[in-house]
């Protein structure tokens, strides 16, 4: 028997893929930003699935962690 409910990890990767596809609909100058968000959404999907039940929440959490890391990196320079 297969799994009938996708895991949060799989779900957040699906969210990331949808964001990647949605990026194509953005203006040319915004497409790279959309793709960057899609990549950030996947970065912590493995870790986030331990504590979160919602794939979208896991994807957004991952993006926020990456944004904070970027901001912190900018402060150190």
Protein backbone atom coordinates (compact mmCIF):
# COMPACT_ATOMS: atom_id res chain seq x y z
CA UNK A 1 0.00 0.00 0.00
CA UNK A 2 1.25 3.43 -0.91
CA UNK A 3 1.18 6.59 1.07
CA UNK A 4 -2.10 8.45 0.54
CA UNK A 5 -1.08 11.72 2.23
CA UNK A 6 2.11 13.37 0.96
CA UNK A 7 4.75 14.22 3.55
CA UNK A 8 5.45 17.82 4.43
CA UNK A 9 8.85 17.48 2.75
CA UNK A 10 7.24 16.34 -0.50
CA UNK A 11 4.55 19.00 -0.17
CA UNK A 12 7.01 21.83 0.33
CA UNK A 13 8.97 20.65 -2.72
CA UNK A 14 5.70 20.72 -4.69
CA UNK A 15 5.07 24.28 -3.44
CA UNK A 16 8.57 25.21 -4.58
CA UNK A 17 7.92 23.73 -8.02
CA UNK A 18 4.64 25.64 -8.32
CA UNK A 19 6.47 28.84 -7.36
CA UNK A 20 9.07 28.08 -10.03
CA UNK A 21 6.33 27.71 -12.66
CA UNK A 22 4.56 30.84 -11.41
CA UNK A 23 7.81 32.77 -11.81
CA UNK A 24 7.51 32.36 -15.57
CA UNK A 25 4.35 34.47 -15.50
CA UNK A 26 6.12 37.38 -13.79
CA UNK A 27 7.59 40.34 -15.60
CA UNK A 28 11.01 39.57 -17.07
CA UNK A 29 12.81 41.64 -14.43
CA UNK A 30 11.01 39.77 -11.61
CA UNK A 31 11.44 36.22 -12.87
CA UNK A 32 14.87 35.74 -11.27
CA UNK A 33 13.46 36.86 -7.92
CA UNK A 34 10.64 34.33 -8.18
CA UNK A 35 13.07 31.55 -9.02
CA UNK A 36 15.26 32.58 -6.09
CA UNK A 37 12.27 32.30 -3.73
CA UNK A 38 11.45 28.86 -5.14
CA UNK A 39 15.02 27.71 -4.47
CA UNK A 40 14.96 29.12 -0.94
CA UNK A 41 11.70 27.28 -0.25
CA UNK A 42 13.46 23.95 -0.84
CA UNK A 43 16.56 24.64 1.25
CA UNK A 44 15.14 23.67 4.65
CA UNK A 45 12.28 21.41 3.65
CA UNK A 46 13.99 18.38 5.17
CA UNK A 47 14.51 20.07 8.54
CA UNK A 48 11.16 21.88 8.66
CA UNK A 49 9.09 18.74 8.15
CA UNK A 50 10.03 17.53 11.65
CA UNK A 51 8.23 20.42 13.34
CA UNK A 52 5.63 21.60 10.83
CA UNK A 53 2.54 19.88 9.48
CA UNK A 54 1.71 22.25 6.64
CA UNK A 55 3.83 22.18 3.46
CA UNK A 56 3.16 25.85 2.71
CA UNK A 57 4.18 26.82 6.23
CA UNK A 58 7.39 24.79 5.83
CA UNK A 59 8.16 26.51 2.51
CA UNK A 60 7.51 29.99 3.89
CA UNK A 61 9.54 29.22 7.02
CA UNK A 62 12.43 28.11 4.82
CA UNK A 63 12.25 31.30 2.74
CA UNK A 64 12.18 33.46 5.87
CA UNK A 65 15.24 31.69 7.32
CA UNK A 66 17.13 32.32 4.09
CA UNK A 67 16.08 35.98 4.00
CA UNK A 68 17.26 36.48 7.59
CA UNK A 69 20.56 34.81 6.70
CA UNK A 70 20.96 37.20 3.76
CA UNK A 71 20.20 40.19 6.00
CA UNK A 72 22.66 39.00 8.63
CA UNK A 73 25.31 38.46 5.97
CA UNK A 74 24.81 42.00 4.77
CA UNK A 75 25.30 43.37 8.29
CA UNK A 76 28.60 41.57 8.75
CA UNK A 77 30.13 43.03 5.60
